[in-house]
Amino acid sequence: MAFIFEKIPEVTKQEYGFDITKRWWLIDRERDTFLIPTGGAGCGDICFFDLYVDKKVTKIIAEISYSPNKNDSRKEDVKYVVLHSQPISLIKEVLTAYGFNGNPEFTGEVTVEFKSDKHNRAN
C-alpha cells in the first residue's frame, strides 16, 4: 500500500496523545508507518515532522524550498534538505509522498537530499 494523506481519527489522537491541532497525517497502514508535520512552513524555512514506524517516533528536521513547476503553473516543485535523521530510504519515500503540504494536486517534482555530516549515514 502507498502512503495516503487523510484526517487523523480522533481515537488515534487519544491513543498517541496528539495535540488537538494535529489534524492530518500521511499513512501507510500496511507498514504501520505515518508522518505528521509538526511545524515550520514557507520558502527557505526549517520544517519539522514526526515519522512513526511501529509506534516509535523519529524526528525529521529539514530545510524546505519551493519553486514553480515548469510544466504546470498550478503546481510547486518542492525540495527538502534533511538536516539530521534516519532511516534515509524511508524518509525519502515519505517526504516525496508528502510533497507540497500533502496535496498531490499542487505538487510537481519533489527532491529529497541529505546534508552530509557525521550523523547521516545511508542504511
C-alpha atoms as a PDB file:
ATOM      1  CA  MET A   1       0.000   0.000   0.000  1.00  0.00           C
ATOM      2  CA  ALA A   2       1.211   3.517  -0.723  1.00  0.00           C
ATOM      3  CA  PHE A   3       1.132   6.469   1.626  1.00  0.00           C
ATOM      4  CA  ILE A   4      -2.192   8.311   1.691  1.00  0.00           C
ATOM      5  CA  PHE A   5      -2.986  11.737   3.134  1.00  0.00           C
ATOM      6  CA  GLU A   6      -6.008  11.769   5.405  1.00  0.00           C
ATOM      7  CA  LYS A   7      -7.548  13.170   8.573  1.00  0.00           C
ATOM      8  CA  ILE A   8      -6.251  11.600  11.807  1.00  0.00           C
ATOM      9  CA  PRO A   9      -9.042   9.636  13.549  1.00  0.00           C
ATOM     10  CA  GLU A  10      -9.957  11.003  16.995  1.00  0.00           C
ATOM     11  CA  VAL A  11      -9.316   7.599  18.598  1.00  0.00           C
ATOM     12  CA  THR A  12      -5.739   7.661  17.264  1.00  0.00           C
ATOM     13  CA  LYS A  13      -5.176  11.195  18.581  1.00  0.00           C
ATOM     14  CA  GLN A  14      -6.167   9.929  22.017  1.00  0.00           C
ATOM     15  CA  GLU A  15      -4.099   6.734  21.729  1.00  0.00           C
ATOM     16  CA  TYR A  16      -0.909   8.642  20.858  1.00  0.00           C
ATOM     17  CA  GLY A  17      -1.696  11.729  22.941  1.00  0.00           C
ATOM     18  CA  PHE A  18      -1.552  14.011  19.900  1.00  0.00           C
ATOM     19  CA  ASP A  19      -2.219  17.690  20.291  1.00  0.00           C
ATOM     20  CA  ILE A  20      -5.759  18.531  19.165  1.00  0.00           C
ATOM     21  CA  THR A  21      -4.325  20.811  16.437  1.00  0.00           C
ATOM     22  CA  LYS A  22      -2.752  17.873  14.589  1.00  0.00           C
ATOM     23  CA  ARG A  23      -5.446  17.089  12.030  1.00  0.00           C
ATOM     24  CA  TRP A  24      -3.784  15.363   9.073  1.00  0.00           C
ATOM     25  CA  TRP A  25      -1.237  12.644   8.510  1.00  0.00           C
ATOM     26  CA  LEU A  26       0.360  10.681   5.699  1.00  0.00           C
ATOM     27  CA  ILE A  27      -0.087   6.996   6.464  1.00  0.00           C
ATOM     28  CA  ASP A  28       0.852   3.570   5.117  1.00  0.00           C
ATOM     29  CA  ARG A  29      -1.303   1.182   7.144  1.00  0.00           C
ATOM     30  CA  GLU A  30       0.349  -1.981   5.840  1.00  0.00           C
ATOM     31  CA  ARG A  31       3.688  -0.859   7.284  1.00  0.00           C
ATOM     32  CA  ASP A  32       2.192   0.802  10.397  1.00  0.00           C
ATOM     33  CA  THR A  33       4.041   3.968   9.355  1.00  0.00           C
ATOM     34  CA  PHE A  34       2.869   7.560   9.351  1.00  0.00           C
ATOM     35  CA  LEU A  35       4.185  11.103   9.060  1.00  0.00           C
ATOM     36  CA  ILE A  36       2.835  14.141  10.897  1.00  0.00           C
ATOM     37  CA  PRO A  37       4.002  17.678  10.128  1.00  0.00           C
ATOM     38  CA  THR A  38       4.770  19.362  13.454  1.00  0.00           C
ATOM     39  CA  GLY A  39       5.909  22.852  12.493  1.00  0.00           C
ATOM     40  CA  GLY A  40       7.581  25.283  10.134  1.00  0.00           C
ATOM     41  CA  ALA A  41       6.423  26.448   6.727  1.00  0.00           C
ATOM     42  CA  GLY A  42       7.314  28.760   3.898  1.00  0.00           C
ATOM     43  CA  CYS A  43      10.123  29.024   1.415  1.00  0.00           C
ATOM     44  CA  GLY A  44      13.577  28.698   2.933  1.00  0.00           C
ATOM     45  CA  ASP A  45      12.189  27.706   6.293  1.00  0.00           C
ATOM     46  CA  ILE A  46      13.002  24.801   8.514  1.00  0.00           C
ATOM     47  CA  CYS A  47      10.168  22.303   8.812  1.00  0.00           C
ATOM     48  CA  PHE A  48       9.655  19.573  11.364  1.00  0.00           C
ATOM     49  CA  PHE A  49       7.971  16.188  11.079  1.00  0.00           C
ATOM     50  CA  ASP A  50       7.412  13.189  13.308  1.00  0.00           C
ATOM     51  CA  LEU A  51       7.769   9.859  11.495  1.00  0.00           C
ATOM     52  CA  TYR A  52       6.196   6.928  13.339  1.00  0.00           C
ATOM     53  CA  VAL A  53       7.242   3.374  12.445  1.00  0.00           C
ATOM     54  CA  ASP A  54       5.771   0.592  14.586  1.00  0.00           C
ATOM     55  CA  LYS A  55       4.826   3.181  17.262  1.00  0.00           C
ATOM     56  CA  LYS A  56       8.408   4.505  17.508  1.00  0.00           C
ATOM     57  CA  VAL A  57       8.972   8.138  16.561  1.00  0.00           C
ATOM     58  CA  THR A  58      11.820   9.643  14.548  1.00  0.00           C
ATOM     59  CA  LYS A  59      12.156  13.431  14.426  1.00  0.00           C
ATOM     60  CA  ILE A  60      12.837  14.873  10.975  1.00  0.00           C
ATOM     61  CA  ILE A  61      14.305  18.346  10.591  1.00  0.00           C
ATOM     62  CA  ALA A  62      14.562  19.665   7.039  1.00  0.00           C
ATOM     63  CA  GLU A  63      15.060  22.849   5.079  1.00  0.00           C
ATOM     64  CA  ILE A  64      12.276  23.282   2.557  1.00  0.00           C
ATOM     65  CA  SER A  65      12.115  25.399  -0.578  1.00  0.00           C
ATOM     66  CA  TYR A  66       9.558  25.762  -3.347  1.00  0.00           C
ATOM     67  CA  SER A  67       9.746  26.786  -6.980  1.00  0.00           C
ATOM     68  CA  PRO A  68       7.125  26.960  -9.760  1.00  0.00           C
ATOM     69  CA  ASN A  69       6.708  23.759 -11.745  1.00  0.00           C
ATOM     70  CA  LYS A  70       7.840  24.261 -15.356  1.00  0.00           C
ATOM     71  CA  ASN A  71       5.037  22.129 -16.849  1.00  0.00           C
ATOM     72  CA  ASP A  72       2.046  23.123 -14.722  1.00  0.00           C
ATOM     73  CA  SER A  73       1.659  26.619 -13.261  1.00  0.00           C
ATOM     74  CA  ARG A  74      -0.759  25.312 -10.615  1.00  0.00           C
ATOM     75  CA  LYS A  75       1.966  23.128  -9.102  1.00  0.00           C
ATOM     76  CA  GLU A  76       5.015  23.781  -6.961  1.00  0.00           C
ATOM     77  CA  ASP A  77       8.242  21.808  -7.083  1.00  0.00           C
ATOM     78  CA  VAL A  78       9.440  21.029  -3.572  1.00  0.00           C
ATOM     79  CA  LYS A  79      12.968  20.462  -2.300  1.00  0.00           C
ATOM     80  CA  TYR A  80      13.685  19.043   1.143  1.00  0.00           C
ATOM     81  CA  VAL A  81      17.202  19.023   2.555  1.00  0.00           C
ATOM     82  CA  VAL A  82      17.090  16.747   5.590  1.00  0.00           C
ATOM     83  CA  LEU A  83      19.470  18.043   8.222  1.00  0.00           C
ATOM     84  CA  HIS A  84      19.543  15.111  10.597  1.00  0.00           C
ATOM     85  CA  SER A  85      17.544  11.912  10.708  1.00  0.00           C
ATOM     86  CA  GLN A  86      17.394   8.187   9.957  1.00  0.00           C
ATOM     87  CA  PRO A  87      16.322   5.899   8.181  1.00  0.00           C
ATOM     88  CA  ILE A  88      17.242   7.642   4.942  1.00  0.00           C
ATOM     89  CA  SER A  89      15.368   5.455   2.438  1.00  0.00           C
ATOM     90  CA  LEU A  90      12.047   5.655   4.305  1.00  0.00           C
ATOM     91  CA  ILE A  91      12.400   9.416   4.841  1.00  0.00           C
ATOM     92  CA  LYS A  92      12.957   9.922   1.098  1.00  0.00           C
ATOM     93  CA  GLU A  93       9.850   7.880   0.331  1.00  0.00           C
ATOM     94  CA  VAL A  94       7.569   9.605   2.841  1.00  0.00           C
ATOM     95  CA  LEU A  95       8.680  13.195   2.062  1.00  0.00           C
ATOM     96  CA  THR A  96       8.279  12.520  -1.665  1.00  0.00           C
ATOM     97  CA  ALA A  97       4.746  11.298  -0.992  1.00  0.00           C
ATOM     98  CA  TYR A  98       4.032  14.326   1.252  1.00  0.00           C
ATOM     99  CA  GLY A  99       5.212  16.784  -1.416  1.00  0.00           C
ATOM    100  CA  PHE A 100       3.600  20.225  -1.199  1.00  0.00           C
ATOM    101  CA  ASN A 101       1.630  20.199   2.068  1.00  0.00           C
ATOM    102  CA  GLY A 102       0.359  16.684   1.378  1.00  0.00           C
ATOM    103  CA  ASN A 103      -1.551  17.812  -1.691  1.00  0.00           C
ATOM    104  CA  PRO A 104      -0.638  15.932  -4.893  1.00  0.00           C
ATOM    105  CA  GLU A 105      -2.853  18.242  -6.958  1.00  0.00           C
ATOM    106  CA  PHE A 106      -0.409  21.092  -6.313  1.00  0.00           C
ATOM    107  CA  THR A 107       2.827  19.085  -6.136  1.00  0.00           C
ATOM    108  CA  GLY A 108       5.229  18.996  -9.033  1.00  0.00           C
ATOM    109  CA  GLU A 109       8.666  17.416  -8.740  1.00  0.00           C
ATOM    110  CA  VAL A 110       9.886  16.540  -5.241  1.00  0.00           C
ATOM    111  CA  THR A 111      13.577  16.324  -4.391  1.00  0.00           C
ATOM    112  CA  VAL A 112      14.879  14.956  -1.097  1.00  0.00           C
ATOM    113  CA  GLU A 113      18.552  15.406  -0.237  1.00  0.00           C
ATOM    114  CA  PHE A 114      20.539  14.786   2.912  1.00  0.00           C
ATOM    115  CA  LYS A 115      23.153  17.124   4.308  1.00  0.00           C
ATOM    116  CA  SER A 116      26.308  15.116   4.649  1.00  0.00           C
ATOM    117  CA  ASP A 117      27.520  15.152   8.194  1.00  0.00           C
ATOM    118  CA  LYS A 118      28.716  12.582  10.685  1.00  0.00           C
ATOM    119  CA  HIS A 119      25.104  11.861  11.746  1.00  0.00           C
ATOM    120  CA  ASN A 120      23.704  10.919   8.344  1.00  0.00           C
ATOM    121  CA  ARG A 121      24.690   7.505   7.067  1.00  0.00           C
ATOM    122  CA  ALA A 122      22.800   5.530   4.421  1.00  0.00           C
ATOM    123  CA  ASN A 123      21.065   2.380   5.562  1.00  0.00           C
END
